[in-house]
Structure formats: structure tokens, C-alpha cells
């Protein structure tokens, strides 16, 4: 796995898992759960899209070697 795909994998996982956790803390502190409910769909869409593209790129790199 090249360095660029490794970084892309880490970023996808952070967006997929880290952003909802961040917004859980924000929602707990403010008491407004709209932050969490409106952040989950974009986080999942962006995280899963990045994850699928990264995994496809990793498979292509594995076949070419």
C-alpha cells in the first residue's frame, strides 16, 4: 500500500467514526441534538465514499505488483 492510499484510508476512517463522536460531545455539551442528527448522514456518505474509493485503489495497486 502506497503512502497516499494509507493516508486516504486513515482520513476516511476518521471522517466515518471521528466526526460523529465529535458531534456527540458537542451535542452533550450544548444539549441540542440537532448537531448529531444533521452530522451523521454527511459523515457516513463522505466516509463510505472515501473508504470504497481507497479500497478499490488498494486492490488495483495489489494487482499491478
C-alpha atoms as a PDB file:
ATOM      1  CA  UNK A   1       0.000   0.000   0.000  1.00  0.00           C
ATOM      2  CA  UNK A   2       1.442   3.308  -1.046  1.00  0.00           C
ATOM      3  CA  UNK A   3       1.692   6.204   1.347  1.00  0.00           C
ATOM      4  CA  UNK A   4      -1.098   8.155  -0.377  1.00  0.00           C
ATOM      5  CA  UNK A   5      -3.614   5.327  -0.068  1.00  0.00           C
ATOM      6  CA  UNK A   6      -2.659   4.772   3.560  1.00  0.00           C
ATOM      7  CA  UNK A   7      -3.324   8.428   4.350  1.00  0.00           C
ATOM      8  CA  UNK A   8      -6.617   8.291   2.431  1.00  0.00           C
ATOM      9  CA  UNK A   9      -7.665   5.222   4.427  1.00  0.00           C
ATOM     10  CA  UNK A  10      -6.930   6.974   7.739  1.00  0.00           C
ATOM     11  CA  UNK A  11      -8.816  10.103   6.663  1.00  0.00           C
ATOM     12  CA  UNK A  12     -11.845   8.045   5.584  1.00  0.00           C
ATOM     13  CA  UNK A  13     -11.953   6.235   8.904  1.00  0.00           C
ATOM     14  CA  UNK A  14     -11.597   9.496  10.839  1.00  0.00           C
ATOM     15  CA  UNK A  15     -14.471  11.041   8.885  1.00  0.00           C
ATOM     16  CA  UNK A  16     -16.595   7.910   9.268  1.00  0.00           C
ATOM     17  CA  UNK A  17     -16.029   7.415  13.006  1.00  0.00           C
ATOM     18  CA  UNK A  18     -14.392  10.531  14.424  1.00  0.00           C
ATOM     19  CA  UNK A  19     -16.806  13.197  13.236  1.00  0.00           C
ATOM     20  CA  UNK A  20     -19.902  11.538  14.738  1.00  0.00           C
ATOM     21  CA  UNK A  21     -18.023  11.108  18.039  1.00  0.00           C
ATOM     22  CA  UNK A  22     -17.044  14.782  17.954  1.00  0.00           C
ATOM     23  CA  UNK A  23     -20.648  15.794  17.348  1.00  0.00           C
ATOM     24  CA  UNK A  24     -21.838  13.521  20.163  1.00  0.00           C
ATOM     25  CA  UNK A  25     -19.643  15.524  22.552  1.00  0.00           C
ATOM     26  CA  UNK A  26     -20.879  18.816  21.094  1.00  0.00           C
ATOM     27  CA  UNK A  27     -24.475  17.651  21.477  1.00  0.00           C
ATOM     28  CA  UNK A  28     -23.865  16.554  25.062  1.00  0.00           C
ATOM     29  CA  UNK A  29     -22.303  19.904  25.946  1.00  0.00           C
ATOM     30  CA  UNK A  30     -24.922  22.070  24.261  1.00  0.00           C
ATOM     31  CA  UNK A  31     -27.983  19.874  24.793  1.00  0.00           C
ATOM     32  CA  UNK A  32     -29.006  20.379  21.173  1.00  0.00           C
ATOM     33  CA  UNK A  33     -29.158  17.003  19.483  1.00  0.00           C
ATOM     34  CA  UNK A  34     -29.707  18.524  16.065  1.00  0.00           C
ATOM     35  CA  UNK A  35     -25.928  18.769  15.713  1.00  0.00           C
ATOM     36  CA  UNK A  36     -25.642  14.997  15.918  1.00  0.00           C
ATOM     37  CA  UNK A  37     -28.638  14.167  13.751  1.00  0.00           C
ATOM     38  CA  UNK A  38     -27.563  16.534  10.960  1.00  0.00           C
ATOM     39  CA  UNK A  39     -23.911  15.439  11.054  1.00  0.00           C
ATOM     40  CA  UNK A  40     -24.372  11.669  10.771  1.00  0.00           C
ATOM     41  CA  UNK A  41     -25.644  11.386   7.157  1.00  0.00           C
ATOM     42  CA  UNK A  42     -22.917  13.596   5.614  1.00  0.00           C
ATOM     43  CA  UNK A  43     -20.235  11.862   7.692  1.00  0.00           C
ATOM     44  CA  UNK A  44     -21.378   8.426   6.570  1.00  0.00           C
ATOM     45  CA  UNK A  45     -21.700   9.448   2.925  1.00  0.00           C
ATOM     46  CA  UNK A  46     -18.261  11.077   2.836  1.00  0.00           C
ATOM     47  CA  UNK A  47     -16.599   8.346   4.905  1.00  0.00           C
ATOM     48  CA  UNK A  48     -18.040   5.418   2.997  1.00  0.00           C
ATOM     49  CA  UNK A  49     -17.341   7.029  -0.374  1.00  0.00           C
ATOM     50  CA  UNK A  50     -13.735   7.676   0.564  1.00  0.00           C
ATOM     51  CA  UNK A  51     -13.393   4.194   2.024  1.00  0.00           C
ATOM     52  CA  UNK A  52     -14.752   2.490  -1.105  1.00  0.00           C
ATOM     53  CA  UNK A  53     -12.512   4.515  -3.412  1.00  0.00           C
ATOM     54  CA  UNK A  54      -9.471   3.858  -1.223  1.00  0.00           C
ATOM     55  CA  UNK A  55     -10.128   0.123  -1.054  1.00  0.00           C
ATOM     56  CA  UNK A  56     -10.601  -0.063  -4.841  1.00  0.00           C
ATOM     57  CA  UNK A  57      -7.315   1.791  -5.331  1.00  0.00           C
ATOM     58  CA  UNK A  58      -5.572  -0.573  -2.911  1.00  0.00           C
ATOM     59  CA  UNK A  59      -6.889  -3.586  -4.857  1.00  0.00           C
ATOM     60  CA  UNK A  60      -5.635  -2.060  -8.140  1.00  0.00           C
ATOM     61  CA  UNK A  61      -2.192  -1.491  -6.633  1.00  0.00           C
ATOM     62  CA  UNK A  62      -2.097  -5.085  -5.396  1.00  0.00           C
ATOM     63  CA  UNK A  63      -2.919  -6.493  -8.844  1.00  0.00           C
ATOM     64  CA  UNK A  64      -0.305  -4.406 -10.625  1.00  0.00           C
ATOM     65  CA  UNK A  65       2.542  -5.610  -8.402  1.00  0.00           C
END
